[in-house]
Amino acid sequence: MAFALDDRGSSPAEFVMVGALLTLLTLGVMQLALAVYVRGVAHDAAVEGAYDAALADVTDGEGAARAREIVDRTLGAGFVQGVRAQRTAVDDATMVQVTMRLTLPLVGLMGIPAAWEVTAHAPADDGE
């Protein structure tokens, strides 16, 4: 019965358990921040590619290549699985739409390939 009332040695065990829990929580928050950063970079690259493709003397393929180049330079090669640029009509206006499929980061920058899709639009320049 003396063992049940004695709590000697419980402090180190508590310290280890609380420390492990706080470490996991901190790493989870940092991973979430990294995922938000990756999404922001990808969206900015898609916007840049859409505005580049919207110029009168630039093809849609060049805009898609520009978006891929920005992500490859910022996050590393192989992070983008696909980029598509196309022109669409919205309320009597021509828009350029750039859609990127990229890796969803789960542990660092490693994650599920082509699990995230980011789309950006820009008004097309008709050259008039």
N, C-alpha and C. Protein backbone atom coordinates (compact mmCIF):
# COMPACT_ATOMS: atom_id res chain seq x y z
N MET A 1 0.81 -1.19 0.00
CA MET A 1 0.00 0.00 0.00
C MET A 1 0.86 1.26 0.00
N ALA A 2 2.06 1.16 0.47
CA ALA A 2 2.93 2.32 0.53
C ALA A 2 3.30 2.80 -0.87
N PHE A 3 3.32 1.89 -1.83
CA PHE A 3 3.67 2.28 -3.19
C PHE A 3 2.59 3.13 -3.84
N ALA A 4 1.35 2.91 -3.53
CA ALA A 4 0.25 3.65 -4.13
C ALA A 4 0.20 5.08 -3.64
N LEU A 5 0.66 5.33 -2.43
CA LEU A 5 0.61 6.68 -1.87
C LEU A 5 1.86 7.48 -2.17
N ASP A 6 2.90 6.83 -2.60
CA ASP A 6 4.17 7.49 -2.84
C ASP A 6 4.24 7.90 -4.32
N ASP A 7 4.47 9.18 -4.58
CA ASP A 7 4.54 9.63 -5.98
C ASP A 7 5.96 10.05 -6.36
N ARG A 8 6.95 9.50 -5.67
CA ARG A 8 8.33 9.77 -6.05
C ARG A 8 8.60 9.18 -7.43
N GLY A 9 9.31 9.91 -8.25
CA GLY A 9 9.63 9.42 -9.58
C GLY A 9 8.59 9.76 -10.64
N SER A 10 7.48 10.33 -10.24
CA SER A 10 6.46 10.66 -11.23
C SER A 10 6.78 11.94 -11.99
N SER A 11 7.58 12.80 -11.40
CA SER A 11 7.92 14.06 -12.06
C SER A 11 8.74 13.85 -13.34
N PRO A 12 9.78 13.00 -13.33
CA PRO A 12 10.49 12.77 -14.59
C PRO A 12 9.60 12.15 -15.67
N ALA A 13 8.74 11.24 -15.29
CA ALA A 13 7.84 10.63 -16.27
C ALA A 13 6.87 11.66 -16.83
N GLU A 14 6.36 12.51 -15.96
CA GLU A 14 5.45 13.57 -16.41
C GLU A 14 6.17 14.54 -17.35
N PHE A 15 7.41 14.88 -17.00
CA PHE A 15 8.19 15.79 -17.84
C PHE A 15 8.38 15.22 -19.24
N VAL A 16 8.70 13.94 -19.33
CA VAL A 16 8.92 13.30 -20.63
C VAL A 16 7.62 13.28 -21.44
N MET A 17 6.52 12.94 -20.81
CA MET A 17 5.24 12.87 -21.54
C MET A 17 4.78 14.24 -22.00
N VAL A 18 4.87 15.24 -21.13
CA VAL A 18 4.46 16.59 -21.51
C VAL A 18 5.41 17.16 -22.56
N GLY A 19 6.70 16.90 -22.40
CA GLY A 19 7.68 17.36 -23.39
C GLY A 19 7.43 16.77 -24.76
N ALA A 20 7.13 15.48 -24.81
CA ALA A 20 6.84 14.82 -26.09
C ALA A 20 5.57 15.40 -26.72
N LEU A 21 4.55 15.62 -25.92
CA LEU A 21 3.30 16.19 -26.43
C LEU A 21 3.52 17.60 -26.98
N LEU A 22 4.25 18.43 -26.25
CA LEU A 22 4.52 19.80 -26.72
C LEU A 22 5.39 19.80 -27.97
N THR A 23 6.33 18.86 -28.05
CA THR A 23 7.17 18.77 -29.25
C THR A 23 6.33 18.41 -30.47
N LEU A 24 5.44 17.43 -30.33
CA LEU A 24 4.56 17.06 -31.44
C LEU A 24 3.63 18.21 -31.83
N LEU A 25 3.12 18.93 -30.85
CA LEU A 25 2.25 20.07 -31.14
C LEU A 25 3.02 21.16 -31.90
N THR A 26 4.24 21.44 -31.47
CA THR A 26 5.07 22.45 -32.14
C THR A 26 5.39 22.04 -33.57
N LEU A 27 5.76 20.78 -33.76
CA LEU A 27 6.05 20.30 -35.12
C LEU A 27 4.82 20.34 -36.01
N GLY A 28 3.65 20.06 -35.45
CA GLY A 28 2.41 20.15 -36.22
C GLY A 28 2.10 21.56 -36.67
N VAL A 29 2.32 22.52 -35.78
CA VAL A 29 2.09 23.93 -36.14
C VAL A 29 3.09 24.38 -37.20
N MET A 30 4.35 23.95 -37.07
CA MET A 30 5.35 24.31 -38.07
C MET A 30 5.03 23.68 -39.43
N GLN A 31 4.51 22.45 -39.43
CA GLN A 31 4.12 21.81 -40.69
C GLN A 31 2.95 22.53 -41.34
N LEU A 32 2.01 22.97 -40.52
CA LEU A 32 0.88 23.74 -41.05
C LEU A 32 1.36 25.05 -41.66
N ALA A 33 2.30 25.71 -40.98
CA ALA A 33 2.85 26.96 -41.52
C ALA A 33 3.57 26.70 -42.84
N LEU A 34 4.30 25.59 -42.94
CA LEU A 34 4.98 25.26 -44.19
C LEU A 34 3.98 24.99 -45.31
N ALA A 35 2.89 24.30 -45.00
CA ALA A 35 1.86 24.03 -46.01
C ALA A 35 1.21 25.32 -46.49
N VAL A 36 0.96 26.25 -45.59
CA VAL A 36 0.38 27.55 -45.97
C VAL A 36 1.37 28.32 -46.85
N TYR A 37 2.66 28.25 -46.51
CA TYR A 37 3.69 28.91 -47.31
C TYR A 37 3.74 28.32 -48.73
N VAL A 38 3.71 26.98 -48.82
CA VAL A 38 3.76 26.31 -50.12
C VAL A 38 2.56 26.71 -50.96
N ARG A 39 1.38 26.76 -50.35
CA ARG A 39 0.19 27.15 -51.09
C ARG A 39 0.30 28.60 -51.56
N GLY A 40 0.83 29.47 -50.73
CA GLY A 40 1.01 30.86 -51.12
C GLY A 40 1.97 31.02 -52.28
N VAL A 41 3.08 30.29 -52.23
CA VAL A 41 4.05 30.34 -53.33
C VAL A 41 3.42 29.81 -54.62
N ALA A 42 2.69 28.70 -54.51
CA ALA A 42 2.06 28.12 -55.70
C ALA A 42 1.00 29.05 -56.28
N HIS A 43 0.22 29.67 -55.42
CA HIS A 43 -0.81 30.59 -55.92
C HIS A 43 -0.18 31.81 -56.57
N ASP A 44 0.85 32.37 -55.95
CA ASP A 44 1.54 33.52 -56.56
C ASP A 44 2.15 33.14 -57.90
N ALA A 45 2.71 31.94 -58.00
CA ALA A 45 3.28 31.49 -59.27
C ALA A 45 2.20 31.32 -60.33
N ALA A 46 1.04 30.79 -59.93
CA ALA A 46 -0.07 30.64 -60.88
C ALA A 46 -0.58 31.99 -61.35
N VAL A 47 -0.67 32.95 -60.44
CA VAL A 47 -1.09 34.31 -60.82
C VAL A 47 -0.08 34.92 -61.78
N GLU A 48 1.20 34.78 -61.47
CA GLU A 48 2.24 35.32 -62.34
C GLU A 48 2.18 34.66 -63.72
N GLY A 49 1.98 33.35 -63.76
CA GLY A 49 1.86 32.65 -65.03
C GLY A 49 0.63 33.09 -65.81
N ALA A 50 -0.48 33.31 -65.12
CA ALA A 50 -1.71 33.75 -65.79
C ALA A 50 -1.54 35.14 -66.37
N TYR A 51 -0.96 36.06 -65.60
CA TYR A 51 -0.75 37.41 -66.12
C TYR A 51 0.27 37.42 -67.24
N ASP A 52 1.26 36.54 -67.17
CA ASP A 52 2.23 36.44 -68.25
C ASP A 52 1.57 35.90 -69.52
N ALA A 53 0.75 34.86 -69.39
CA ALA A 53 0.06 34.28 -70.55
C ALA A 53 -1.01 35.21 -71.10
N ALA A 54 -1.49 36.14 -70.30
CA ALA A 54 -2.54 37.06 -70.75
C ALA A 54 -2.02 38.14 -71.68
N LEU A 55 -0.71 38.32 -71.76
CA LEU A 55 -0.15 39.33 -72.65
C LEU A 55 -0.39 38.92 -74.10
N ALA A 56 -0.50 39.91 -74.97
CA ALA A 56 -0.90 39.67 -76.36
C ALA A 56 0.12 38.83 -77.13
N ASP A 57 1.41 38.99 -76.84
CA ASP A 57 2.43 38.30 -77.62
C ASP A 57 2.99 37.06 -76.92
N VAL A 58 2.29 36.55 -75.91
CA VAL A 58 2.76 35.38 -75.15
C VAL A 58 1.73 34.26 -75.28
N THR A 59 2.20 33.05 -75.49
CA THR A 59 1.28 31.91 -75.61
C THR A 59 0.90 31.39 -74.22
N ASP A 60 -0.16 30.60 -74.20
CA ASP A 60 -0.59 30.00 -72.93
C ASP A 60 0.47 29.06 -72.38
N GLY A 61 1.15 28.36 -73.25
CA GLY A 61 2.21 27.44 -72.83
C GLY A 61 3.37 28.16 -72.15
N GLU A 62 3.68 29.35 -72.65
CA GLU A 62 4.76 30.13 -72.02
C GLU A 62 4.36 30.60 -70.63
N GLY A 63 3.09 30.93 -70.45
CA GLY A 63 2.61 31.31 -69.12
C GLY A 63 2.66 30.14 -68.15
N ALA A 64 2.29 28.96 -68.63
CA ALA A 64 2.36 27.76 -67.79
C ALA A 64 3.80 27.44 -67.43
N ALA A 65 4.70 27.59 -68.40
CA ALA A 65 6.12 27.34 -68.14
C ALA A 65 6.67 28.33 -67.12
N ARG A 66 6.21 29.57 -67.19
CA ARG A 66 6.65 30.60 -66.23
C ARG A 66 6.20 30.22 -64.82
N ALA A 67 4.97 29.77 -64.67
CA ALA A 67 4.47 29.36 -63.36
C ALA A 67 5.28 28.19 -62.81
N ARG A 68 5.55 27.20 -63.64
CA ARG A 68 6.34 26.05 -63.20
C ARG A 68 7.76 26.47 -62.81
N GLU A 69 8.34 27.37 -63.58
CA GLU A 69 9.70 27.84 -63.30
C GLU A 69 9.78 28.52 -61.93
N ILE A 70 8.78 29.32 -61.60
CA ILE A 70 8.78 30.01 -60.31
C ILE A 70 8.71 29.01 -59.16
N VAL A 71 7.84 28.02 -59.26
CA VAL A 71 7.73 27.03 -58.18
C VAL A 71 8.99 26.18 -58.11
N ASP A 72 9.53 25.78 -59.26
CA ASP A 72 10.76 24.98 -59.26
C ASP A 72 11.91 25.73 -58.63
N ARG A 73 12.00 27.02 -58.90
CA ARG A 73 13.08 27.82 -58.34
C ARG A 73 12.90 28.06 -56.84
N THR A 74 11.65 28.18 -56.40
CA THR A 74 11.39 28.51 -55.00
C THR A 74 11.35 27.27 -54.11
N LEU A 75 10.64 26.23 -54.53
CA LEU A 75 10.43 25.06 -53.68
C LEU A 75 11.27 23.85 -54.09
N GLY A 76 11.78 23.85 -55.29
CA GLY A 76 12.58 22.72 -55.76
C GLY A 76 11.93 22.03 -56.95
N ALA A 77 12.77 21.45 -57.77
CA ALA A 77 12.28 20.76 -58.97
C ALA A 77 11.49 19.51 -58.58
N GLY A 78 10.50 19.18 -59.37
CA GLY A 78 9.70 17.99 -59.12
C GLY A 78 8.54 18.19 -58.17
N PHE A 79 8.35 19.40 -57.69
CA PHE A 79 7.25 19.65 -56.75
C PHE A 79 5.93 19.80 -57.48
N VAL A 80 5.99 20.28 -58.73
CA VAL A 80 4.79 20.48 -59.55
C VAL A 80 4.61 19.26 -60.44
N GLN A 81 3.43 18.65 -60.41
CA GLN A 81 3.15 17.50 -61.25
C GLN A 81 2.48 17.89 -62.56
N GLY A 82 1.88 19.05 -62.63
CA GLY A 82 1.24 19.46 -63.88
C GLY A 82 0.81 20.90 -63.85
N VAL A 83 0.98 21.57 -64.98
CA VAL A 83 0.53 22.96 -65.14
C VAL A 83 -0.26 23.03 -66.44
N ARG A 84 -1.42 23.66 -66.37
CA ARG A 84 -2.27 23.80 -67.56
C ARG A 84 -2.72 25.26 -67.65
N ALA A 85 -2.57 25.83 -68.83
CA ALA A 85 -3.06 27.19 -69.07
C ALA A 85 -4.05 27.14 -70.22
N GLN A 86 -5.17 27.82 -70.06
CA GLN A 86 -6.19 27.84 -71.11
C GLN A 86 -6.95 29.16 -71.05
N ARG A 87 -7.54 29.49 -72.17
CA ARG A 87 -8.36 30.70 -72.25
C ARG A 87 -9.82 30.31 -72.07
N THR A 88 -10.53 31.10 -71.29
CA THR A 88 -11.95 30.85 -71.04
C THR A 88 -12.71 32.15 -71.23
N ALA A 89 -13.99 32.04 -71.53
CA ALA A 89 -14.85 33.22 -71.70
C ALA A 89 -15.69 33.38 -70.44
N VAL A 90 -15.64 34.59 -69.89
CA VAL A 90 -16.43 34.91 -68.70
C VAL A 90 -17.11 36.25 -68.95
N ASP A 91 -18.43 36.23 -69.11
CA ASP A 91 -19.21 37.46 -69.29
C ASP A 91 -18.63 38.37 -70.38
N ASP A 92 -18.52 37.87 -71.58
CA ASP A 92 -18.03 38.63 -72.74
C ASP A 92 -16.58 39.07 -72.61
N ALA A 93 -15.84 38.49 -71.72
CA ALA A 93 -14.41 38.80 -71.58
C ALA A 93 -13.62 37.50 -71.66
N THR A 94 -12.44 37.60 -72.23
CA THR A 94 -11.56 36.43 -72.31
C THR A 94 -10.62 36.44 -71.12
N MET A 95 -10.59 35.32 -70.42
CA MET A 95 -9.72 35.18 -69.24
C MET A 95 -8.72 34.06 -69.50
N VAL A 96 -7.54 34.20 -68.92
CA VAL A 96 -6.54 33.14 -68.95
C VAL A 96 -6.57 32.46 -67.59
N GLN A 97 -6.69 31.15 -67.61
CA GLN A 97 -6.74 30.37 -66.37
C GLN A 97 -5.52 29.46 -66.32
N VAL A 98 -4.75 29.55 -65.24
CA VAL A 98 -3.60 28.67 -65.03
C VAL A 98 -3.92 27.79 -63.83
N THR A 99 -3.85 26.48 -64.05
CA THR A 99 -4.12 25.51 -62.99
C THR A 99 -2.87 24.67 -62.77
N MET A 100 -2.45 24.58 -61.52
CA MET A 100 -1.26 23.80 -61.16
C MET A 100 -1.66 22.69 -60.20
N ARG A 101 -1.10 21.50 -60.42
CA ARG A 101 -1.25 20.38 -59.49
C ARG A 101 0.11 20.15 -58.85
N LEU A 102 0.15 20.16 -57.53
CA LEU A 102 1.42 20.03 -56.85
C LEU A 102 1.30 19.14 -55.62
N THR A 103 2.45 18.84 -55.03
CA THR A 103 2.53 17.95 -53.88
C THR A 103 1.97 18.63 -52.65
N LEU A 104 1.14 17.91 -51.91
CA LEU A 104 0.63 18.36 -50.62
C LEU A 104 1.65 17.96 -49.56
N PRO A 105 2.36 18.91 -48.95
CA PRO A 105 3.41 18.55 -47.99
C PRO A 105 2.82 18.02 -46.67
N LEU A 106 3.27 16.83 -46.28
CA LEU A 106 2.81 16.23 -45.03
C LEU A 106 3.91 16.16 -43.98
N VAL A 107 5.12 15.79 -44.40
CA VAL A 107 6.28 15.74 -43.51
C VAL A 107 7.39 16.52 -44.19
N GLY A 108 7.64 17.73 -43.73
CA GLY A 108 8.56 18.59 -44.45
C GLY A 108 7.96 18.91 -45.80
N LEU A 109 8.75 18.78 -46.85
CA LEU A 109 8.23 18.99 -48.20
C LEU A 109 7.81 17.69 -48.87
N MET A 110 7.95 16.57 -48.16
CA MET A 110 7.51 15.29 -48.70
C MET A 110 6.01 15.13 -48.44
N GLY A 111 5.32 14.56 -49.41
CA GLY A 111 3.89 14.41 -49.22
C GLY A 111 3.23 13.65 -50.34
N ILE A 112 1.97 13.96 -50.56
CA ILE A 112 1.16 13.26 -51.56
C ILE A 112 1.28 14.01 -52.89
N PRO A 113 1.84 13.35 -53.93
CA PRO A 113 1.97 14.02 -55.23
C PRO A 113 0.61 14.33 -55.86
N ALA A 114 0.54 15.47 -56.49
CA ALA A 114 -0.64 15.92 -57.26
C ALA A 114 -1.92 15.95 -56.42
N ALA A 115 -1.79 16.18 -55.13
CA ALA A 115 -2.96 16.20 -54.26
C ALA A 115 -3.53 17.61 -54.08
N TRP A 116 -2.78 18.60 -54.50
CA TRP A 116 -3.21 19.98 -54.31
C TRP A 116 -3.37 20.63 -55.67
N GLU A 117 -4.45 21.39 -55.85
CA GLU A 117 -4.68 22.09 -57.11
C GLU A 117 -4.89 23.57 -56.81
N VAL A 118 -4.15 24.40 -57.51
CA VAL A 118 -4.22 25.85 -57.35
C VAL A 118 -4.57 26.45 -58.70
N THR A 119 -5.53 27.37 -58.72
CA THR A 119 -5.97 27.99 -59.97
C THR A 119 -5.92 29.50 -59.84
N ALA A 120 -5.49 30.17 -60.91
CA ALA A 120 -5.47 31.63 -60.94
C ALA A 120 -6.00 32.10 -62.29
N HIS A 121 -6.57 33.29 -62.30
CA HIS A 121 -7.16 33.87 -63.52
C HIS A 121 -6.56 35.25 -63.77
N ALA A 122 -6.55 35.63 -65.04
CA ALA A 122 -6.12 36.97 -65.43
C ALA A 122 -6.88 37.37 -66.69
N PRO A 123 -7.23 38.64 -66.83
CA PRO A 123 -7.91 39.09 -68.05
C PRO A 123 -6.93 39.07 -69.23
N ALA A 124 -7.36 38.50 -70.34
CA ALA A 124 -6.50 38.37 -71.51
C ALA A 124 -6.43 39.69 -72.27
N ASP A 125 -5.23 39.97 -72.78
CA ASP A 125 -5.01 41.16 -73.60
C ASP A 125 -5.24 40.76 -75.05
N ASP A 126 -6.19 41.41 -75.69
CA ASP A 126 -6.53 41.07 -77.07
C ASP A 126 -5.64 41.79 -78.08
N GLY A 127 -4.76 42.65 -77.61
CA GLY A 127 -3.87 43.36 -78.50
C GLY A 127 -4.50 44.55 -79.19
N GLU A 128 -5.59 45.04 -78.68
CA GLU A 128 -6.28 46.17 -79.31
C GLU A 128 -5.87 47.47 -78.68
